[in-house]
Amino acid sequence: MTQHTHESHPQIYARLKRAHGHLAKVIDMLNDQAPCTDIAQQLFAVEKAITNAKRALIHDHIDHCLSPANGAKETDVDDFKAITKYL
């Protein structure tokens, strides 16, 4: 497998590190028997951070690997990007 790095990877890495921190907080909160609403709020933050990281990665892949410069039609790429919000 070849090395495949994009300019967005450091930002995606940072998002995932934040998600990791939120998840660690959730685990601590469970051990400390924190209120369920507080735990749910932290779980929501984990979920959003991962979703945003995944979306950024997919959009970056579309922009760099499925770009019109690589033979894709720009309207096809735009349509594909639009549907990724449902991932």
PDB file of N, CA and C in Angstrom:
ATOM      1  N   MET A   1       0.846  -1.178   0.000  1.00  0.00           N
ATOM      2  CA  MET A   1       0.000   0.000   0.000  1.00  0.00           C
ATOM      3  C   MET A   1       0.892   1.243   0.000  1.00  0.00           C
ATOM      4  N   THR A   2       0.533   2.230  -0.818  1.00  0.00           N
ATOM      5  CA  THR A   2       1.337   3.439  -0.918  1.00  0.00           C
ATOM      6  C   THR A   2       0.913   4.470   0.123  1.00  0.00           C
ATOM      7  N   GLN A   3       1.850   5.337   0.461  1.00  0.00           N
ATOM      8  CA  GLN A   3       1.569   6.431   1.390  1.00  0.00           C
ATOM      9  C   GLN A   3       0.598   7.392   0.720  1.00  0.00           C
ATOM     10  N   HIS A   4      -0.446   7.777   1.427  1.00  0.00           N
ATOM     11  CA  HIS A   4      -1.470   8.634   0.841  1.00  0.00           C
ATOM     12  C   HIS A   4      -1.837   9.709   1.856  1.00  0.00           C
ATOM     13  N   THR A   5      -1.228  10.875   1.738  1.00  0.00           N
ATOM     14  CA  THR A   5      -1.446  11.948   2.691  1.00  0.00           C
ATOM     15  C   THR A   5      -1.986  13.177   1.970  1.00  0.00           C
ATOM     16  N   HIS A   6      -2.914  13.847   2.605  1.00  0.00           N
ATOM     17  CA  HIS A   6      -3.486  15.077   2.077  1.00  0.00           C
ATOM     18  C   HIS A   6      -3.248  16.201   3.090  1.00  0.00           C
ATOM     19  N   GLU A   7      -3.392  17.430   2.627  1.00  0.00           N
ATOM     20  CA  GLU A   7      -3.204  18.579   3.503  1.00  0.00           C
ATOM     21  C   GLU A   7      -4.188  18.575   4.667  1.00  0.00           C
ATOM     22  N   SER A   8      -5.361  17.977   4.492  1.00  0.00           N
ATOM     23  CA  SER A   8      -6.383  17.984   5.536  1.00  0.00           C
ATOM     24  C   SER A   8      -6.122  16.963   6.638  1.00  0.00           C
ATOM     25  N   HIS A   9      -5.205  16.041   6.429  1.00  0.00           N
ATOM     26  CA  HIS A   9      -4.988  14.980   7.426  1.00  0.00           C
ATOM     27  C   HIS A   9      -4.623  15.502   8.808  1.00  0.00           C
ATOM     28  N   PRO A  10      -3.793  16.542   8.937  1.00  0.00           N
ATOM     29  CA  PRO A  10      -3.521  17.055  10.292  1.00  0.00           C
ATOM     30  C   PRO A  10      -4.781  17.582  10.991  1.00  0.00           C
ATOM     31  N   GLN A  11      -5.672  18.232  10.241  1.00  0.00           N
ATOM     32  CA  GLN A  11      -6.916  18.717  10.840  1.00  0.00           C
ATOM     33  C   GLN A  11      -7.825  17.552  11.236  1.00  0.00           C
ATOM     34  N   ILE A  12      -7.861  16.531  10.416  1.00  0.00           N
ATOM     35  CA  ILE A  12      -8.662  15.351  10.734  1.00  0.00           C
ATOM     36  C   ILE A  12      -8.085  14.654  11.959  1.00  0.00           C
ATOM     37  N   TYR A  13      -6.778  14.571  12.019  1.00  0.00           N
ATOM     38  CA  TYR A  13      -6.112  13.998  13.183  1.00  0.00           C
ATOM     39  C   TYR A  13      -6.500  14.767  14.448  1.00  0.00           C
ATOM     40  N   ALA A  14      -6.498  16.088  14.358  1.00  0.00           N
ATOM     41  CA  ALA A  14      -6.859  16.921  15.519  1.00  0.00           C
ATOM     42  C   ALA A  14      -8.301  16.681  15.939  1.00  0.00           C
ATOM     43  N   ARG A  15      -9.206  16.527  14.984  1.00  0.00           N
ATOM     44  CA  ARG A  15     -10.610  16.235  15.308  1.00  0.00           C
ATOM     45  C   ARG A  15     -10.730  14.901  16.039  1.00  0.00           C
ATOM     46  N   LEU A  16      -9.985  13.928  15.560  1.00  0.00           N
ATOM     47  CA  LEU A  16     -10.051  12.601  16.192  1.00  0.00           C
ATOM     48  C   LEU A  16      -9.413  12.608  17.572  1.00  0.00           C
ATOM     49  N   LYS A  17      -8.378  13.400  17.764  1.00  0.00           N
ATOM     50  CA  LYS A  17      -7.785  13.535  19.098  1.00  0.00           C
ATOM     51  C   LYS A  17      -8.799  14.160  20.066  1.00  0.00           C
ATOM     52  N   ARG A  18      -9.560  15.153  19.573  1.00  0.00           N
ATOM     53  CA  ARG A  18     -10.606  15.749  20.403  1.00  0.00           C
ATOM     54  C   ARG A  18     -11.663  14.706  20.752  1.00  0.00           C
ATOM     55  N   ALA A  19     -12.050  13.905  19.768  1.00  0.00           N
ATOM     56  CA  ALA A  19     -13.031  12.845  20.024  1.00  0.00           C
ATOM     57  C   ALA A  19     -12.492  11.868  21.054  1.00  0.00           C
ATOM     58  N   HIS A  20     -11.222  11.561  20.948  1.00  0.00           N
ATOM     59  CA  HIS A  20     -10.572  10.665  21.905  1.00  0.00           C
ATOM     60  C   HIS A  20     -10.660  11.250  23.319  1.00  0.00           C
ATOM     61  N   GLY A  21     -10.410  12.541  23.430  1.00  0.00           N
ATOM     62  CA  GLY A  21     -10.503  13.209  24.724  1.00  0.00           C
ATOM     63  C   GLY A  21     -11.916  13.191  25.275  1.00  0.00           C
ATOM     64  N   HIS A  22     -12.895  13.441  24.418  1.00  0.00           N
ATOM     65  CA  HIS A  22     -14.295  13.383  24.849  1.00  0.00           C
ATOM     66  C   HIS A  22     -14.667  11.976  25.307  1.00  0.00           C
ATOM     67  N   LEU A  23     -14.201  10.970  24.569  1.00  0.00           N
ATOM     68  CA  LEU A  23     -14.512   9.599  24.936  1.00  0.00           C
ATOM     69  C   LEU A  23     -13.877   9.223  26.270  1.00  0.00           C
ATOM     70  N   ALA A  24     -12.652   9.649  26.485  1.00  0.00           N
ATOM     71  CA  ALA A  24     -12.002   9.402  27.779  1.00  0.00           C
ATOM     72  C   ALA A  24     -12.810  10.045  28.901  1.00  0.00           C
ATOM     73  N   LYS A  25     -13.338  11.242  28.624  1.00  0.00           N
ATOM     74  CA  LYS A  25     -14.167  11.943  29.616  1.00  0.00           C
ATOM     75  C   LYS A  25     -15.438  11.136  29.911  1.00  0.00           C
ATOM     76  N   VAL A  26     -16.047  10.574  28.885  1.00  0.00           N
ATOM     77  CA  VAL A  26     -17.256   9.759  29.067  1.00  0.00           C
ATOM     78  C   VAL A  26     -16.953   8.566  29.961  1.00  0.00           C
ATOM     79  N   ILE A  27     -15.843   7.910  29.716  1.00  0.00           N
ATOM     80  CA  ILE A  27     -15.464   6.743  30.524  1.00  0.00           C
ATOM     81  C   ILE A  27     -15.266   7.150  31.975  1.00  0.00           C
ATOM     82  N   ASP A  28     -14.593   8.270  32.182  1.00  0.00           N
ATOM     83  CA  ASP A  28     -14.412   8.774  33.551  1.00  0.00           C
ATOM     84  C   ASP A  28     -15.750   9.114  34.193  1.00  0.00           C
ATOM     85  N   MET A  29     -16.625   9.729  33.428  1.00  0.00           N
ATOM     86  CA  MET A  29     -17.936  10.109  33.958  1.00  0.00           C
ATOM     87  C   MET A  29     -18.745   8.880  34.359  1.00  0.00           C
ATOM     88  N   LEU A  30     -18.646   7.816  33.573  1.00  0.00           N
ATOM     89  CA  LEU A  30     -19.351   6.573  33.919  1.00  0.00           C
ATOM     90  C   LEU A  30     -18.798   5.997  35.216  1.00  0.00           C
ATOM     91  N   ASN A  31     -17.482   5.994  35.342  1.00  0.00           N
ATOM     92  CA  ASN A  31     -16.859   5.500  36.565  1.00  0.00           C
ATOM     93  C   ASN A  31     -17.247   6.343  37.773  1.00  0.00           C
ATOM     94  N   ASP A  32     -17.422   7.649  37.564  1.00  0.00           N
ATOM     95  CA  ASP A  32     -17.769   8.570  38.642  1.00  0.00           C
ATOM     96  C   ASP A  32     -19.272   8.676  38.866  1.00  0.00           C
ATOM     97  N   GLN A  33     -20.041   7.920  38.093  1.00  0.00           N
ATOM     98  CA  GLN A  33     -21.504   7.917  38.175  1.00  0.00           C
ATOM     99  C   GLN A  33     -22.082   9.317  37.977  1.00  0.00           C
ATOM    100  N   ALA A  34     -21.601   9.989  36.961  1.00  0.00           N
ATOM    101  CA  ALA A  34     -22.099  11.317  36.610  1.00  0.00           C
ATOM    102  C   ALA A  34     -23.544  11.212  36.130  1.00  0.00           C
ATOM    103  N   PRO A  35     -24.274  12.317  36.144  1.00  0.00           N
ATOM    104  CA  PRO A  35     -25.658  12.304  35.653  1.00  0.00           C
ATOM    105  C   PRO A  35     -25.729  11.866  34.187  1.00  0.00           C
ATOM    106  N   CYS A  36     -26.751  11.123  33.862  1.00  0.00           N
ATOM    107  CA  CYS A  36     -26.913  10.585  32.504  1.00  0.00           C
ATOM    108  C   CYS A  36     -26.970  11.683  31.454  1.00  0.00           C
ATOM    109  N   THR A  37     -27.593  12.811  31.785  1.00  0.00           N
ATOM    110  CA  THR A  37     -27.658  13.896  30.793  1.00  0.00           C
ATOM    111  C   THR A  37     -26.272  14.440  30.471  1.00  0.00           C
ATOM    112  N   ASP A  38     -25.407  14.507  31.457  1.00  0.00           N
ATOM    113  CA  ASP A  38     -24.036  14.974  31.218  1.00  0.00           C
ATOM    114  C   ASP A  38     -23.262  13.970  30.366  1.00  0.00           C
ATOM    115  N   ILE A  39     -23.464  12.697  30.641  1.00  0.00           N
ATOM    116  CA  ILE A  39     -22.805  11.643  29.866  1.00  0.00           C
ATOM    117  C   ILE A  39     -23.298  11.678  28.421  1.00  0.00           C
ATOM    118  N   ALA A  40     -24.609  11.822  28.258  1.00  0.00           N
ATOM    119  CA  ALA A  40     -25.187  11.879  26.913  1.00  0.00           C
ATOM    120  C   ALA A  40     -24.628  13.066  26.133  1.00  0.00           C
ATOM    121  N   GLN A  41     -24.445  14.194  26.805  1.00  0.00           N
ATOM    122  CA  GLN A  41     -23.885  15.370  26.150  1.00  0.00           C
ATOM    123  C   GLN A  41     -22.467  15.092  25.661  1.00  0.00           C
ATOM    124  N   GLN A  42     -21.661  14.441  26.468  1.00  0.00           N
ATOM    125  CA  GLN A  42     -20.294  14.106  26.061  1.00  0.00           C
ATOM    126  C   GLN A  42     -20.291  13.079  24.935  1.00  0.00           C
ATOM    127  N   LEU A  43     -21.197  12.105  24.993  1.00  0.00           N
ATOM    128  CA  LEU A  43     -21.288  11.118  23.912  1.00  0.00           C
ATOM    129  C   LEU A  43     -21.679  11.798  22.601  1.00  0.00           C
ATOM    130  N   PHE A  44     -22.555  12.777  22.705  1.00  0.00           N
ATOM    131  CA  PHE A  44     -22.935  13.543  21.521  1.00  0.00           C
ATOM    132  C   PHE A  44     -21.718  14.242  20.929  1.00  0.00           C
ATOM    133  N   ALA A  45     -20.873  14.810  21.785  1.00  0.00           N
ATOM    134  CA  ALA A  45     -19.656  15.475  21.319  1.00  0.00           C
ATOM    135  C   ALA A  45     -18.721  14.492  20.626  1.00  0.00           C
ATOM    136  N   VAL A  46     -18.601  13.284  21.178  1.00  0.00           N
ATOM    137  CA  VAL A  46     -17.775  12.243  20.552  1.00  0.00           C
ATOM    138  C   VAL A  46     -18.323  11.915  19.168  1.00  0.00           C
ATOM    139  N   GLU A  47     -19.600  11.682  19.113  1.00  0.00           N
ATOM    140  CA  GLU A  47     -20.239  11.310  17.852  1.00  0.00           C
ATOM    141  C   GLU A  47     -20.069  12.406  16.798  1.00  0.00           C
ATOM    142  N   LYS A  48     -20.283  13.660  17.175  1.00  0.00           N
ATOM    143  CA  LYS A  48     -20.141  14.769  16.236  1.00  0.00           C
ATOM    144  C   LYS A  48     -18.694  14.919  15.761  1.00  0.00           C
ATOM    145  N   ALA A  49     -17.745  14.765  16.660  1.00  0.00           N
ATOM    146  CA  ALA A  49     -16.336  14.894  16.285  1.00  0.00           C
ATOM    147  C   ALA A  49     -15.948  13.814  15.276  1.00  0.00           C
ATOM    148  N   ILE A  50     -16.405  12.598  15.500  1.00  0.00           N
ATOM    149  CA  ILE A  50     -16.090  11.501  14.578  1.00  0.00           C
ATOM    150  C   ILE A  50     -16.799  11.708  13.243  1.00  0.00           C
ATOM    151  N   THR A  51     -18.057  12.100  13.287  1.00  0.00           N
ATOM    152  CA  THR A  51     -18.801  12.361  12.057  1.00  0.00           C
ATOM    153  C   THR A  51     -18.134  13.459  11.241  1.00  0.00           C
ATOM    154  N   ASN A  52     -17.726  14.535  11.900  1.00  0.00           N
ATOM    155  CA  ASN A  52     -17.071  15.635  11.192  1.00  0.00           C
ATOM    156  C   ASN A  52     -15.724  15.215  10.619  1.00  0.00           C
ATOM    157  N   ALA A  53     -14.991  14.403  11.337  1.00  0.00           N
ATOM    158  CA  ALA A  53     -13.709  13.902  10.831  1.00  0.00           C
ATOM    159  C   ALA A  53     -13.927  13.015   9.614  1.00  0.00           C
ATOM    160  N   LYS A  54     -14.921  12.151   9.702  1.00  0.00           N
ATOM    161  CA  LYS A  54     -15.228  11.255   8.573  1.00  0.00           C
ATOM    162  C   LYS A  54     -15.652  12.065   7.352  1.00  0.00           C
ATOM    163  N   ARG A  55     -16.505  13.049   7.555  1.00  0.00           N
ATOM    164  CA  ARG A  55     -16.970  13.879   6.445  1.00  0.00           C
ATOM    165  C   ARG A  55     -15.797  14.639   5.815  1.00  0.00           C
ATOM    166  N   ALA A  56     -14.926  15.199   6.638  1.00  0.00           N
ATOM    167  CA  ALA A  56     -13.766  15.926   6.114  1.00  0.00           C
ATOM    168  C   ALA A  56     -12.867  14.998   5.305  1.00  0.00           C
ATOM    169  N   LEU A  57     -12.662  13.790   5.792  1.00  0.00           N
ATOM    170  CA  LEU A  57     -11.827  12.823   5.078  1.00  0.00           C
ATOM    171  C   LEU A  57     -12.440  12.456   3.736  1.00  0.00           C
ATOM    172  N   ILE A  58     -13.736  12.209   3.725  1.00  0.00           N
ATOM    173  CA  ILE A  58     -14.416  11.831   2.479  1.00  0.00           C
ATOM    174  C   ILE A  58     -14.401  12.988   1.493  1.00  0.00           C
ATOM    175  N   HIS A  59     -14.687  14.208   1.966  1.00  0.00           N
ATOM    176  CA  HIS A  59     -14.655  15.361   1.066  1.00  0.00           C
ATOM    177  C   HIS A  59     -13.257  15.591   0.519  1.00  0.00           C
ATOM    178  N   ASP A  60     -12.256  15.401   1.345  1.00  0.00           N
ATOM    179  CA  ASP A  60     -10.878  15.547   0.885  1.00  0.00           C
ATOM    180  C   ASP A  60     -10.563  14.504  -0.189  1.00  0.00           C
ATOM    181  N   HIS A  61     -11.011  13.295   0.031  1.00  0.00           N
ATOM    182  CA  HIS A  61     -10.800  12.232  -0.957  1.00  0.00           C
ATOM    183  C   HIS A  61     -11.488  12.590  -2.275  1.00  0.00           C
ATOM    184  N   ILE A  62     -12.710  13.081  -2.171  1.00  0.00           N
ATOM    185  CA  ILE A  62     -13.433  13.478  -3.381  1.00  0.00           C
ATOM    186  C   ILE A  62     -12.674  14.579  -4.116  1.00  0.00           C
ATOM    187  N   ASP A  63     -12.237  15.582  -3.374  1.00  0.00           N
ATOM    188  CA  ASP A  63     -11.550  16.717  -3.997  1.00  0.00           C
ATOM    189  C   ASP A  63     -10.235  16.329  -4.658  1.00  0.00           C
ATOM    190  N   HIS A  64      -9.508  15.406  -4.046  1.00  0.00           N
ATOM    191  CA  HIS A  64      -8.174  15.095  -4.552  1.00  0.00           C
ATOM    192  C   HIS A  64      -8.095  13.825  -5.391  1.00  0.00           C
ATOM    193  N   CYS A  65      -8.976  12.897  -5.144  1.00  0.00           N
ATOM    194  CA  CYS A  65      -8.878  11.618  -5.853  1.00  0.00           C
ATOM    195  C   CYS A  65      -9.969  11.441  -6.906  1.00  0.00           C
ATOM    196  N   LEU A  66     -11.065  12.155  -6.754  1.00  0.00           N
ATOM    197  CA  LEU A  66     -12.164  12.054  -7.717  1.00  0.00           C
ATOM    198  C   LEU A  66     -12.397  13.399  -8.396  1.00  0.00           C
ATOM    199  N   SER A  67     -11.383  14.187  -8.508  1.00  0.00           N
ATOM    200  CA  SER A  67     -11.508  15.533  -9.042  1.00  0.00           C
ATOM    201  C   SER A  67     -11.650  15.519 -10.559  1.00  0.00           C
ATOM    202  N   PRO A  68     -12.178  16.612 -11.106  1.00  0.00           N
ATOM    203  CA  PRO A  68     -12.251  16.716 -12.566  1.00  0.00           C
ATOM    204  C   PRO A  68     -10.883  16.552 -13.229  1.00  0.00           C
ATOM    205  N   ALA A  69      -9.830  16.934 -12.538  1.00  0.00           N
ATOM    206  CA  ALA A  69      -8.482  16.759 -13.093  1.00  0.00           C
ATOM    207  C   ALA A  69      -8.163  15.282 -13.288  1.00  0.00           C
ATOM    208  N   ASN A  70      -8.863  14.427 -12.542  1.00  0.00           N
ATOM    209  CA  ASN A  70      -8.655  12.982 -12.678  1.00  0.00           C
ATOM    210  C   ASN A  70      -9.733  12.334 -13.541  1.00  0.00           C
ATOM    211  N   GLY A  71     -10.503  13.149 -14.286  1.00  0.00           N
ATOM    212  CA  GLY A  71     -11.478  12.615 -15.232  1.00  0.00           C
ATOM    213  C   GLY A  71     -12.925  12.682 -14.785  1.00  0.00           C
ATOM    214  N   ALA A  72     -13.218  13.081 -13.584  1.00  0.00           N
ATOM    215  CA  ALA A  72     -14.605  13.166 -13.120  1.00  0.00           C
ATOM    216  C   ALA A  72     -15.214  14.489 -13.585  1.00  0.00           C
ATOM    217  N   LYS A  73     -16.518  14.454 -13.827  1.00  0.00           N
ATOM    218  CA  LYS A  73     -17.230  15.687 -14.160  1.00  0.00           C
ATOM    219  C   LYS A  73     -17.471  16.471 -12.880  1.00  0.00           C
ATOM    220  N   GLU A  74     -17.333  17.785 -12.948  1.00  0.00           N
ATOM    221  CA  GLU A  74     -17.488  18.612 -11.744  1.00  0.00           C
ATOM    222  C   GLU A  74     -18.886  18.480 -11.155  1.00  0.00           C
ATOM    223  N   THR A  75     -19.925  18.372 -11.997  1.00  0.00           N
ATOM    224  CA  THR A  75     -21.288  18.229 -11.465  1.00  0.00           C
ATOM    225  C   THR A  75     -21.456  16.900 -10.739  1.00  0.00           C
ATOM    226  N   ASP A  76     -20.804  15.853 -11.232  1.00  0.00           N
ATOM    227  CA  ASP A  76     -20.858  14.556 -10.555  1.00  0.00           C
ATOM    228  C   ASP A  76     -20.200  14.646  -9.181  1.00  0.00           C
ATOM    229  N   VAL A  77     -19.070  15.321  -9.107  1.00  0.00           N
ATOM    230  CA  VAL A  77     -18.353  15.480  -7.841  1.00  0.00           C
ATOM    231  C   VAL A  77     -19.211  16.278  -6.867  1.00  0.00           C
ATOM    232  N   ASP A  78     -19.841  17.364  -7.322  1.00  0.00           N
ATOM    233  CA  ASP A  78     -20.700  18.174  -6.453  1.00  0.00           C
ATOM    234  C   ASP A  78     -21.886  17.357  -5.937  1.00  0.00           C
ATOM    235  N   ASP A  79     -22.493  16.580  -6.812  1.00  0.00           N
ATOM    236  CA  ASP A  79     -23.613  15.735  -6.388  1.00  0.00           C
ATOM    237  C   ASP A  79     -23.155  14.695  -5.362  1.00  0.00           C
ATOM    238  N   PHE A  80     -22.009  14.121  -5.599  1.00  0.00           N
ATOM    239  CA  PHE A  80     -21.488  13.115  -4.673  1.00  0.00           C
ATOM    240  C   PHE A  80     -21.192  13.737  -3.321  1.00  0.00           C
ATOM    241  N   LYS A  81     -20.604  14.931  -3.322  1.00  0.00           N
ATOM    242  CA  LYS A  81     -20.324  15.622  -2.064  1.00  0.00           C
ATOM    243  C   LYS A  81     -21.625  15.932  -1.318  1.00  0.00           C
ATOM    244  N   ALA A  82     -22.641  16.335  -2.043  1.00  0.00           N
ATOM    245  CA  ALA A  82     -23.919  16.679  -1.407  1.00  0.00           C
ATOM    246  C   ALA A  82     -24.530  15.473  -0.696  1.00  0.00           C
ATOM    247  N   ILE A  83     -24.430  14.317  -1.293  1.00  0.00           N
ATOM    248  CA  ILE A  83     -25.052  13.133  -0.689  1.00  0.00           C
ATOM    249  C   ILE A  83     -24.268  12.610   0.520  1.00  0.00           C
ATOM    250  N   THR A  84     -23.005  12.989   0.631  1.00  0.00           N
ATOM    251  CA  THR A  84     -22.214  12.487   1.761  1.00  0.00           C
ATOM    252  C   THR A  84     -22.708  13.029   3.093  1.00  0.00           C
ATOM    253  N   LYS A  85     -23.533  14.064   3.095  1.00  0.00           N
ATOM    254  CA  LYS A  85     -24.064  14.559   4.371  1.00  0.00           C
ATOM    255  C   LYS A  85     -24.952  13.520   5.041  1.00  0.00           C
ATOM    256  N   TYR A  86     -25.372  12.529   4.299  1.00  0.00           N
ATOM    257  CA  TYR A  86     -26.217  11.481   4.860  1.00  0.00           C
ATOM    258  C   TYR A  86     -25.425  10.282   5.370  1.00  0.00           C
ATOM    259  N   LEU A  87     -24.095  10.353   5.301  1.00  0.00           N
ATOM    260  CA  LEU A  87     -23.271   9.265   5.802  1.00  0.00           C
ATOM    261  C   LEU A  87     -23.363   9.165   7.309  1.00  0.00           C
TER     262      LEU A  87
END
